[in-house]
Amino acid sequence: GMVGLFEVKNPSPPKIERPSEGCNLGEICMVFYCSDL
């Protein structure tokens, strides 16, 4: 259940253009339990 952060440069990958609200086909959502929202 870890989160791996990968910063790639020279060249950087393109940013996915998507709406910030709602959902998008093919999008993954990470789900965690939390003690205090």
PDB file of all heavy atoms in Angstrom:
ATOM      1  N   GLY A   1       0.802  -1.212   0.000  1.00  0.00           N
ATOM      2  CA  GLY A   1       0.000   0.000   0.000  1.00  0.00           C
ATOM      3  C   GLY A   1       0.838   1.267   0.000  1.00  0.00           C
ATOM      4  O   GLY A   1       0.397   2.305   0.462  1.00  0.00           O
ATOM      5  N   MET A   2       2.042   1.177  -0.535  1.00  0.00           N
ATOM      6  CA  MET A   2       2.939   2.329  -0.550  1.00  0.00           C
ATOM      7  C   MET A   2       2.618   3.235  -1.740  1.00  0.00           C
ATOM      8  O   MET A   2       1.889   2.852  -2.652  1.00  0.00           O
ATOM      9  CB  MET A   2       4.393   1.853  -0.630  1.00  0.00           C
ATOM     10  CG  MET A   2       4.808   0.994   0.547  1.00  0.00           C
ATOM     11  SD  MET A   2       6.537   0.429   0.451  1.00  0.00           S
ATOM     12  CE  MET A   2       6.452  -0.748  -0.895  1.00  0.00           C
ATOM     13  N   VAL A   3       3.173   4.445  -1.717  1.00  0.00           N
ATOM     14  CA  VAL A   3       3.049   5.380  -2.832  1.00  0.00           C
ATOM     15  C   VAL A   3       4.454   5.694  -3.322  1.00  0.00           C
ATOM     16  O   VAL A   3       5.287   6.198  -2.568  1.00  0.00           O
ATOM     17  CB  VAL A   3       2.314   6.671  -2.406  1.00  0.00           C
ATOM     18  CG1 VAL A   3       2.317   7.686  -3.537  1.00  0.00           C
ATOM     19  CG2 VAL A   3       0.884   6.356  -1.978  1.00  0.00           C
ATOM     20  N   GLY A   4       4.710   5.374  -4.581  1.00  0.00           N
ATOM     21  CA  GLY A   4       6.004   5.663  -5.206  1.00  0.00           C
ATOM     22  C   GLY A   4       5.895   6.938  -6.014  1.00  0.00           C
ATOM     23  O   GLY A   4       4.997   7.078  -6.853  1.00  0.00           O
ATOM     24  N   LEU A   5       6.778   7.879  -5.759  1.00  0.00           N
ATOM     25  CA  LEU A   5       6.805   9.157  -6.474  1.00  0.00           C
ATOM     26  C   LEU A   5       7.996   9.134  -7.434  1.00  0.00           C
ATOM     27  O   LEU A   5       9.133   8.902  -7.010  1.00  0.00           O
ATOM     28  CB  LEU A   5       6.936  10.310  -5.480  1.00  0.00           C
ATOM     29  CG  LEU A   5       5.902  10.325  -4.353  1.00  0.00           C
ATOM     30  CD1 LEU A   5       6.253  11.399  -3.330  1.00  0.00           C
ATOM     31  CD2 LEU A   5       4.501  10.526  -4.907  1.00  0.00           C
ATOM     32  N   PHE A   6       7.737   9.392  -8.710  1.00  0.00           N
ATOM     33  CA  PHE A   6       8.769   9.342  -9.741  1.00  0.00           C
ATOM     34  C   PHE A   6       8.800  10.675 -10.478  1.00  0.00           C
ATOM     35  O   PHE A   6       7.843  11.036 -11.151  1.00  0.00           O
ATOM     36  CB  PHE A   6       8.483   8.211 -10.735  1.00  0.00           C
ATOM     37  CG  PHE A   6       8.581   6.842 -10.126  1.00  0.00           C
ATOM     38  CD1 PHE A   6       7.559   6.336  -9.341  1.00  0.00           C
ATOM     39  CD2 PHE A   6       9.701   6.070 -10.340  1.00  0.00           C
ATOM     40  CE1 PHE A   6       7.644   5.080  -8.767  1.00  0.00           C
ATOM     41  CE2 PHE A   6       9.808   4.806  -9.779  1.00  0.00           C
ATOM     42  CZ  PHE A   6       8.774   4.309  -8.985  1.00  0.00           C
ATOM     43  N   GLU A   7       9.904  11.411 -10.325  1.00  0.00           N
ATOM     44  CA  GLU A   7      10.079  12.681 -11.027  1.00  0.00           C
ATOM     45  C   GLU A   7      11.025  12.426 -12.193  1.00  0.00           C
ATOM     46  O   GLU A   7      12.196  12.108 -11.989  1.00  0.00           O
ATOM     47  CB  GLU A   7      10.666  13.731 -10.088  1.00  0.00           C
ATOM     48  CG  GLU A   7      10.883  15.076 -10.765  1.00  0.00           C
ATOM     49  CD  GLU A   7      11.692  16.008  -9.881  1.00  0.00           C
ATOM     50  OE1 GLU A   7      12.927  15.855  -9.849  1.00  0.00           O
ATOM     51  OE2 GLU A   7      11.081  16.861  -9.229  1.00  0.00           O
ATOM     52  N   VAL A   8      10.514  12.552 -13.411  1.00  0.00           N
ATOM     53  CA  VAL A   8      11.288  12.269 -14.617  1.00  0.00           C
ATOM     54  C   VAL A   8      11.584  13.586 -15.334  1.00  0.00           C
ATOM     55  O   VAL A   8      10.683  14.382 -15.579  1.00  0.00           O
ATOM     56  CB  VAL A   8      10.514  11.308 -15.555  1.00  0.00           C
ATOM     57  CG1 VAL A   8      11.319  11.017 -16.812  1.00  0.00           C
ATOM     58  CG2 VAL A   8      10.172  10.015 -14.820  1.00  0.00           C
ATOM     59  N   LYS A   9      12.850  13.788 -15.673  1.00  0.00           N
ATOM     60  CA  LYS A   9      13.280  15.023 -16.366  1.00  0.00           C
ATOM     61  C   LYS A   9      14.192  14.668 -17.540  1.00  0.00           C
ATOM     62  O   LYS A   9      14.802  13.613 -17.563  1.00  0.00           O
ATOM     63  CB  LYS A   9      14.064  15.935 -15.403  1.00  0.00           C
ATOM     64  CG  LYS A   9      13.311  16.349 -14.157  1.00  0.00           C
ATOM     65  CD  LYS A   9      12.363  17.465 -14.437  1.00  0.00           C
ATOM     66  CE  LYS A   9      11.734  17.935 -13.132  1.00  0.00           C
ATOM     67  NZ  LYS A   9      10.743  18.912 -13.293  1.00  0.00           N
ATOM     68  N   ASN A  10      14.295  15.598 -18.444  1.00  0.00           N
ATOM     69  CA  ASN A  10      15.230  15.532 -19.592  1.00  0.00           C
ATOM     70  C   ASN A  10      14.991  14.352 -20.517  1.00  0.00           C
ATOM     71  O   ASN A  10      15.890  13.554 -20.706  1.00  0.00           O
ATOM     72  CB  ASN A  10      16.677  15.535 -19.089  1.00  0.00           C
ATOM     73  CG  ASN A  10      16.979  16.743 -18.241  1.00  0.00           C
ATOM     74  OD1 ASN A  10      16.554  17.844 -18.539  1.00  0.00           O
ATOM     75  ND2 ASN A  10      17.681  16.522 -17.156  1.00  0.00           N
ATOM     76  N   PRO A  11      13.828  14.206 -21.101  1.00  0.00           N
ATOM     77  CA  PRO A  11      12.662  15.087 -21.063  1.00  0.00           C
ATOM     78  C   PRO A  11      11.680  14.674 -19.972  1.00  0.00           C
ATOM     79  O   PRO A  11      11.696  13.553 -19.504  1.00  0.00           O
ATOM     80  CB  PRO A  11      12.025  14.876 -22.436  1.00  0.00           C
ATOM     81  CG  PRO A  11      12.302  13.441 -22.750  1.00  0.00           C
ATOM     82  CD  PRO A  11      13.674  13.182 -22.160  1.00  0.00           C
ATOM     83  N   SER A  12      10.793  15.617 -19.633  1.00  0.00           N
ATOM     84  CA  SER A  12       9.699  15.332 -18.701  1.00  0.00           C
ATOM     85  C   SER A  12       8.534  14.744 -19.495  1.00  0.00           C
ATOM     86  O   SER A  12       8.323  15.113 -20.642  1.00  0.00           O
ATOM     87  CB  SER A  12       9.222  16.609 -18.017  1.00  0.00           C
ATOM     88  OG  SER A  12      10.237  17.139 -17.205  1.00  0.00           O
ATOM     89  N   PRO A  13       7.779  13.840 -18.891  1.00  0.00           N
ATOM     90  CA  PRO A  13       6.599  13.319 -19.598  1.00  0.00           C
ATOM     91  C   PRO A  13       5.532  14.408 -19.715  1.00  0.00           C
ATOM     92  O   PRO A  13       5.504  15.337 -18.914  1.00  0.00           O
ATOM     93  CB  PRO A  13       6.120  12.170 -18.712  1.00  0.00           C
ATOM     94  CG  PRO A  13       6.710  12.408 -17.377  1.00  0.00           C
ATOM     95  CD  PRO A  13       7.947  13.224 -17.574  1.00  0.00           C
ATOM     96  N   PRO A  14       4.647  14.286 -20.702  1.00  0.00           N
ATOM     97  CA  PRO A  14       3.570  15.283 -20.838  1.00  0.00           C
ATOM     98  C   PRO A  14       2.549  15.131 -19.713  1.00  0.00           C
ATOM     99  O   PRO A  14       2.369  14.048 -19.165  1.00  0.00           O
ATOM    100  CB  PRO A  14       2.940  14.945 -22.196  1.00  0.00           C
ATOM    101  CG  PRO A  14       3.245  13.503 -22.409  1.00  0.00           C
ATOM    102  CD  PRO A  14       4.578  13.256 -21.732  1.00  0.00           C
ATOM    103  N   LYS A  15       1.918  16.234 -19.387  1.00  0.00           N
ATOM    104  CA  LYS A  15       0.877  16.218 -18.350  1.00  0.00           C
ATOM    105  C   LYS A  15      -0.443  15.768 -18.972  1.00  0.00           C
ATOM    106  O   LYS A  15      -0.776  16.169 -20.086  1.00  0.00           O
ATOM    107  CB  LYS A  15       0.721  17.618 -17.751  1.00  0.00           C
ATOM    108  CG  LYS A  15      -0.277  17.658 -16.635  1.00  0.00           C
ATOM    109  CD  LYS A  15      -0.349  19.008 -15.965  1.00  0.00           C
ATOM    110  CE  LYS A  15      -1.410  18.875 -14.907  1.00  0.00           C
ATOM    111  NZ  LYS A  15      -1.548  19.873 -13.997  1.00  0.00           N
ATOM    112  N   ILE A  16      -1.179  14.937 -18.260  1.00  0.00           N
ATOM    113  CA  ILE A  16      -2.498  14.511 -18.713  1.00  0.00           C
ATOM    114  C   ILE A  16      -3.457  15.673 -18.527  1.00  0.00           C
ATOM    115  O   ILE A  16      -3.532  16.255 -17.446  1.00  0.00           O
ATOM    116  CB  ILE A  16      -3.002  13.300 -17.901  1.00  0.00           C
ATOM    117  CG1 ILE A  16      -2.114  12.082 -18.139  1.00  0.00           C
ATOM    118  CG2 ILE A  16      -4.453  12.983 -18.246  1.00  0.00           C
ATOM    119  CD1 ILE A  16      -2.457  10.902 -17.246  1.00  0.00           C
ATOM    120  N   GLU A  17      -4.164  16.028 -19.573  1.00  0.00           N
ATOM    121  CA  GLU A  17      -5.164  17.085 -19.481  1.00  0.00           C
ATOM    122  C   GLU A  17      -6.504  16.435 -19.183  1.00  0.00           C
ATOM    123  O   GLU A  17      -6.984  15.587 -19.929  1.00  0.00           O
ATOM    124  CB  GLU A  17      -5.233  17.882 -20.788  1.00  0.00           C
ATOM    125  CG  GLU A  17      -3.954  18.634 -21.103  1.00  0.00           C
ATOM    126  CD  GLU A  17      -3.575  19.677 -20.054  1.00  0.00           C
ATOM    127  OE1 GLU A  17      -4.485  20.282 -19.449  1.00  0.00           O
ATOM    128  OE2 GLU A  17      -2.373  19.875 -19.848  1.00  0.00           O
ATOM    129  N   ARG A  18      -7.091  16.789 -18.044  1.00  0.00           N
ATOM    130  CA  ARG A  18      -8.365  16.220 -17.640  1.00  0.00           C
ATOM    131  C   ARG A  18      -9.065  17.200 -16.715  1.00  0.00           C
ATOM    132  O   ARG A  18      -8.421  18.033 -16.076  1.00  0.00           O
ATOM    133  CB  ARG A  18      -8.155  14.888 -16.931  1.00  0.00           C
ATOM    134  CG  ARG A  18      -7.350  15.061 -15.658  1.00  0.00           C
ATOM    135  CD  ARG A  18      -7.199  13.764 -14.901  1.00  0.00           C
ATOM    136  NE  ARG A  18      -6.313  13.982 -13.798  1.00  0.00           N
ATOM    137  CZ  ARG A  18      -5.149  13.392 -13.625  1.00  0.00           C
ATOM    138  NH1 ARG A  18      -4.726  12.521 -14.493  1.00  0.00           N
ATOM    139  NH2 ARG A  18      -4.410  13.662 -12.590  1.00  0.00           N
ATOM    140  N   PRO A  19     -10.368  17.073 -16.593  1.00  0.00           N
ATOM    141  CA  PRO A  19     -11.068  17.930 -15.636  1.00  0.00           C
ATOM    142  C   PRO A  19     -10.615  17.597 -14.219  1.00  0.00           C
ATOM    143  O   PRO A  19     -10.329  16.441 -13.913  1.00  0.00           O
ATOM    144  CB  PRO A  19     -12.540  17.561 -15.821  1.00  0.00           C
ATOM    145  CG  PRO A  19     -12.629  16.677 -17.015  1.00  0.00           C
ATOM    146  CD  PRO A  19     -11.253  16.193 -17.323  1.00  0.00           C
ATOM    147  N   SER A  20     -10.531  18.593 -13.352  1.00  0.00           N
ATOM    148  CA  SER A  20     -10.094  18.341 -11.975  1.00  0.00           C
ATOM    149  C   SER A  20     -11.219  17.792 -11.114  1.00  0.00           C
ATOM    150  O   SER A  20     -10.976  17.246 -10.061  1.00  0.00           O
ATOM    151  CB  SER A  20      -9.531  19.615 -11.351  1.00  0.00           C
ATOM    152  OG  SER A  20     -10.539  20.603 -11.276  1.00  0.00           O
ATOM    153  N   GLU A  21     -12.439  17.942 -11.548  1.00  0.00           N
ATOM    154  CA  GLU A  21     -13.570  17.392 -10.804  1.00  0.00           C
ATOM    155  C   GLU A  21     -14.145  16.222 -11.580  1.00  0.00           C
ATOM    156  O   GLU A  21     -13.899  16.064 -12.764  1.00  0.00           O
ATOM    157  CB  GLU A  21     -14.620  18.478 -10.590  1.00  0.00           C
ATOM    158  CG  GLU A  21     -14.096  19.608  -9.718  1.00  0.00           C
ATOM    159  CD  GLU A  21     -15.136  20.676  -9.471  1.00  0.00           C
ATOM    160  OE1 GLU A  21     -16.306  20.461  -9.798  1.00  0.00           O
ATOM    161  OE2 GLU A  21     -14.754  21.728  -8.954  1.00  0.00           O
ATOM    162  N   GLY A  22     -14.915  15.400 -10.900  1.00  0.00           N
ATOM    163  CA  GLY A  22     -15.523  14.259 -11.565  1.00  0.00           C
ATOM    164  C   GLY A  22     -14.534  13.120 -11.737  1.00  0.00           C
ATOM    165  O   GLY A  22     -13.542  13.016 -11.029  1.00  0.00           O
ATOM    166  N   CYS A  23     -14.841  12.252 -12.693  1.00  0.00           N
ATOM    167  CA  CYS A  23     -13.961  11.120 -12.949  1.00  0.00           C
ATOM    168  C   CYS A  23     -13.648  11.043 -14.440  1.00  0.00           C
ATOM    169  O   CYS A  23     -14.308  11.672 -15.254  1.00  0.00           O
ATOM    170  CB  CYS A  23     -14.586   9.817 -12.445  1.00  0.00           C
ATOM    171  SG  CYS A  23     -16.112   9.355 -13.270  1.00  0.00           S
ATOM    172  N   ASN A  24     -12.613  10.295 -14.759  1.00  0.00           N
ATOM    173  CA  ASN A  24     -12.154  10.172 -16.133  1.00  0.00           C
ATOM    174  C   ASN A  24     -11.929   8.698 -16.457  1.00  0.00           C
ATOM    175  O   ASN A  24     -11.416   7.952 -15.610  1.00  0.00           O
ATOM    176  CB  ASN A  24     -10.823  10.934 -16.296  1.00  0.00           C
ATOM    177  CG  ASN A  24     -10.969  12.394 -15.918  1.00  0.00           C
ATOM    178  OD1 ASN A  24     -11.473  13.193 -16.672  1.00  0.00           O
ATOM    179  ND2 ASN A  24     -10.535  12.733 -14.712  1.00  0.00           N
ATOM    180  N   LEU A  25     -12.300   8.285 -17.648  1.00  0.00           N
ATOM    181  CA  LEU A  25     -12.065   6.907 -18.061  1.00  0.00           C
ATOM    182  C   LEU A  25     -10.585   6.568 -17.944  1.00  0.00           C
ATOM    183  O   LEU A  25      -9.723   7.364 -18.310  1.00  0.00           O
ATOM    184  CB  LEU A  25     -12.530   6.686 -19.502  1.00  0.00           C
ATOM    185  CG  LEU A  25     -14.035   6.671 -19.723  1.00  0.00           C
ATOM    186  CD1 LEU A  25     -14.343   6.535 -21.200  1.00  0.00           C
ATOM    187  CD2 LEU A  25     -14.695   5.553 -18.934  1.00  0.00           C
ATOM    188  N   GLY A  26     -10.297   5.401 -17.413  1.00  0.00           N
ATOM    189  CA  GLY A  26      -8.916   4.946 -17.278  1.00  0.00           C
ATOM    190  C   GLY A  26      -8.192   5.492 -16.062  1.00  0.00           C
ATOM    191  O   GLY A  26      -7.064   5.114 -15.791  1.00  0.00           O
ATOM    192  N   GLU A  27      -8.843   6.362 -15.317  1.00  0.00           N
ATOM    193  CA  GLU A  27      -8.213   6.970 -14.148  1.00  0.00           C
ATOM    194  C   GLU A  27      -8.261   6.024 -12.958  1.00  0.00           C
ATOM    195  O   GLU A  27      -9.255   5.345 -12.727  1.00  0.00           O
ATOM    196  CB  GLU A  27      -8.946   8.262 -13.809  1.00  0.00           C
ATOM    197  CG  GLU A  27      -8.423   8.966 -12.588  1.00  0.00           C
ATOM    198  CD  GLU A  27      -9.118  10.300 -12.371  1.00  0.00           C
ATOM    199  OE1 GLU A  27     -10.349  10.382 -12.540  1.00  0.00           O
ATOM    200  OE2 GLU A  27      -8.418  11.248 -12.042  1.00  0.00           O
ATOM    201  N   ILE A  28      -7.192   5.995 -12.196  1.00  0.00           N
ATOM    202  CA  ILE A  28      -7.129   5.207 -10.975  1.00  0.00           C
ATOM    203  C   ILE A  28      -7.280   6.151  -9.789  1.00  0.00           C
ATOM    204  O   ILE A  28      -6.741   7.259  -9.790  1.00  0.00           O
ATOM    205  CB  ILE A  28      -5.798   4.437 -10.882  1.00  0.00           C
ATOM    206  CG1 ILE A  28      -5.771   3.356 -11.962  1.00  0.00           C
ATOM    207  CG2 ILE A  28      -5.598   3.843  -9.508  1.00  0.00           C
ATOM    208  CD1 ILE A  28      -4.484   2.599 -12.043  1.00  0.00           C
ATOM    209  N   CYS A  29      -7.980   5.693  -8.777  1.00  0.00           N
ATOM    210  CA  CYS A  29      -8.149   6.453  -7.551  1.00  0.00           C
ATOM    211  C   CYS A  29      -7.525   5.642  -6.418  1.00  0.00           C
ATOM    212  O   CYS A  29      -7.874   4.480  -6.229  1.00  0.00           O
ATOM    213  CB  CYS A  29      -9.636   6.686  -7.297  1.00  0.00           C
ATOM    214  SG  CYS A  29      -9.986   7.563  -5.769  1.00  0.00           S
ATOM    215  N   MET A  30      -6.591   6.231  -5.698  1.00  0.00           N
ATOM    216  CA  MET A  30      -5.998   5.559  -4.538  1.00  0.00           C
ATOM    217  C   MET A  30      -6.965   5.693  -3.370  1.00  0.00           C
ATOM    218  O   MET A  30      -7.478   6.783  -3.116  1.00  0.00           O
ATOM    219  CB  MET A  30      -4.654   6.179  -4.189  1.00  0.00           C
ATOM    220  CG  MET A  30      -3.602   5.989  -5.266  1.00  0.00           C
ATOM    221  SD  MET A  30      -2.034   6.722  -4.803  1.00  0.00           S
ATOM    222  CE  MET A  30      -2.414   8.470  -4.969  1.00  0.00           C
ATOM    223  N   VAL A  31      -7.214   4.601  -2.656  1.00  0.00           N
ATOM    224  CA  VAL A  31      -8.173   4.593  -1.556  1.00  0.00           C
ATOM    225  C   VAL A  31      -7.445   4.198  -0.276  1.00  0.00           C
ATOM    226  O   VAL A  31      -6.745   3.187  -0.243  1.00  0.00           O
ATOM    227  CB  VAL A  31      -9.335   3.618  -1.836  1.00  0.00           C
ATOM    228  CG1 VAL A  31     -10.340   3.642  -0.695  1.00  0.00           C
ATOM    229  CG2 VAL A  31     -10.007   3.944  -3.168  1.00  0.00           C
ATOM    230  N   PHE A  32      -7.612   5.015   0.757  1.00  0.00           N
ATOM    231  CA  PHE A  32      -6.986   4.768   2.052  1.00  0.00           C
ATOM    232  C   PHE A  32      -8.045   4.902   3.140  1.00  0.00           C
ATOM    233  O   PHE A  32      -8.960   5.710   3.031  1.00  0.00           O
ATOM    234  CB  PHE A  32      -5.898   5.802   2.363  1.00  0.00           C
ATOM    235  CG  PHE A  32      -4.757   5.839   1.408  1.00  0.00           C
ATOM    236  CD1 PHE A  32      -4.761   6.706   0.323  1.00  0.00           C
ATOM    237  CD2 PHE A  32      -3.651   5.026   1.594  1.00  0.00           C
ATOM    238  CE1 PHE A  32      -3.698   6.765  -0.553  1.00  0.00           C
ATOM    239  CE2 PHE A  32      -2.576   5.072   0.722  1.00  0.00           C
ATOM    240  CZ  PHE A  32      -2.599   5.943  -0.359  1.00  0.00           C
ATOM    241  N   TYR A  33      -7.882   4.154   4.239  1.00  0.00           N
ATOM    242  CA  TYR A  33      -8.625   4.444   5.458  1.00  0.00           C
ATOM    243  C   TYR A  33      -7.907   5.580   6.158  1.00  0.00           C
ATOM    244  O   TYR A  33      -6.692   5.749   6.037  1.00  0.00           O
ATOM    245  CB  TYR A  33      -8.684   3.220   6.378  1.00  0.00           C
ATOM    246  CG  TYR A  33      -9.703   2.201   5.963  1.00  0.00           C
ATOM    247  CD1 TYR A  33      -9.321   0.976   5.457  1.00  0.00           C
ATOM    248  CD2 TYR A  33     -11.067   2.476   6.096  1.00  0.00           C
ATOM    249  CE1 TYR A  33     -10.260   0.032   5.081  1.00  0.00           C
ATOM    250  CE2 TYR A  33     -12.013   1.539   5.719  1.00  0.00           C
ATOM    251  CZ  TYR A  33     -11.605   0.320   5.207  1.00  0.00           C
ATOM    252  OH  TYR A  33     -12.539  -0.600   4.834  1.00  0.00           O
ATOM    253  N   CYS A  34      -8.660   6.368   6.918  1.00  0.00           N
ATOM    254  CA  CYS A  34      -8.110   7.561   7.562  1.00  0.00           C
ATOM    255  C   CYS A  34      -8.813   7.757   8.903  1.00  0.00           C
ATOM    256  O   CYS A  34     -10.016   7.522   9.017  1.00  0.00           O
ATOM    257  CB  CYS A  34      -8.349   8.750   6.646  1.00  0.00           C
ATOM    258  SG  CYS A  34      -7.840  10.325   7.301  1.00  0.00           S
ATOM    259  N   SER A  35      -8.072   8.226   9.908  1.00  0.00           N
ATOM    260  CA  SER A  35      -8.675   8.418  11.226  1.00  0.00           C
ATOM    261  C   SER A  35      -9.404   9.747  11.383  1.00  0.00           C
ATOM    262  O   SER A  35     -10.284   9.869  12.227  1.00  0.00           O
ATOM    263  CB  SER A  35      -7.605   8.287  12.312  1.00  0.00           C
ATOM    264  OG  SER A  35      -6.626   9.294  12.150  1.00  0.00           O
ATOM    265  N   ASP A  36      -9.075  10.774  10.566  1.00  0.00           N
ATOM    266  CA  ASP A  36      -9.675  12.094  10.786  1.00  0.00           C
ATOM    267  C   ASP A  36      -9.702  12.887   9.475  1.00  0.00           C
ATOM    268  O   ASP A  36      -8.716  13.517   9.100  1.00  0.00           O
ATOM    269  CB  ASP A  36      -8.882  12.846  11.856  1.00  0.00           C
ATOM    270  CG  ASP A  36      -9.541  14.141  12.282  1.00  0.00           C
ATOM    271  OD1 ASP A  36     -10.463  14.632  11.596  1.00  0.00           O
ATOM    272  OD2 ASP A  36      -9.113  14.686  13.318  1.00  0.00           O
ATOM    273  N   LEU A  37     -10.831  12.866   8.789  1.00  0.00           N
ATOM    274  CA  LEU A  37     -10.956  13.576   7.510  1.00  0.00           C
ATOM    275  C   LEU A  37     -10.867  15.088   7.676  1.00  0.00           C
ATOM    276  O   LEU A  37     -10.335  15.782   6.808  1.00  0.00           O
ATOM    277  CB  LEU A  37     -12.273  13.207   6.825  1.00  0.00           C
ATOM    278  CG  LEU A  37     -12.461  11.741   6.460  1.00  0.00           C
ATOM    279  CD1 LEU A  37     -13.791  11.541   5.754  1.00  0.00           C
ATOM    280  CD2 LEU A  37     -11.314  11.230   5.610  1.00  0.00           C
TER     281      LEU A  37
END
